[in-house]
Amino acid sequence: MKKILNRVAINEISLTVSYLIVIIVLVTMETYIRLLTPGKVLMKGVACIYDVIINSDIYTVPLFIIPFILYYIINILKNEFNIMRVVRKINVKQIWVGCIKELLILDIIFTIYITSVTIISGLISTGIICNWSEENSFGYNVVGKPIYNYPSFVSMIIAYAISIFCLIFVLGVITLFVWWYLKSSVAGFIVAYIVLFIDGVVHVINVFYSRYIMSFRVYKTGIDIFDQIIYPICLCIIMFVISTLLIKRRDFLDKL
């Protein structure tokens, strides 16, 4: 943790501040365009914080925020493959586990920040926690009737935070894994987004983001403990274990 913070403070402070501001702008802009404007992109109705969270999980985070975060992670972790660092490691798996640890720290920081920005933005822009029981709400327009048995605010926040965490972690592992073998961070970035596109847009894989995302089904069925809490956590663990088992020695004398 201290190493990450020192590296950010010394080398990437301007980039960090820029990204934090970009996240605020993207969340606020997406909320306004899709939920609050007279010609809103989504269905009619008065929005609440719950709607802001769902909109952010479906659109804002995967489409607009994740590219910036992956680029930031690449920028921070590129030093992990520096030959002077590598020679101090005992074996190749130690290098990989070190990268995953730093990815994990960055993931937690971004997850907390994005979740906080979303909640604050939703509170400021709507001023309502949940209005799904009212006839003029988004929830009413989705199911065609008032929703009285809606998820608790805490469960919505937890599911949203886990969704963000898993998305960043899995795409981060894919990026680093491809980068490790192909010696190209750009290739890692592209492959990660191809996986997200195939799973989230084409729905061919359906084992990643499309499986646990807080889609419009939340209006009808609420938060599913397995799909939106347990499954994404297990997916992160599986990704770590598989990548660590598959990782092999590579020539670090080449520049990544």
Foldseek 3Di string as FASTA:
>chain_A
DVVLVVLCVPPPVVLVVVLLVVLLVLLLVQCCQQANDPPHPDDFFAEALLNSLQSCLQDRCLPPNLVSLLVVLCVRCLCLLPPVNVVVDDDDLVSVVVSLVSLLVSLLVVLVSSLVSSNVSRCVVRVHHDDQQDCRHPLCVLVVHRDDPADDSVVSSLLSSLLSSLLSLLLNLQLVLCCLVVVDSVVSNVVSVVVCCCCSPVVPPVLGNVQARSHSCCSVPNHDCCRRPVSSVVVSVVSVVVSSVPDDDDDSVDRD
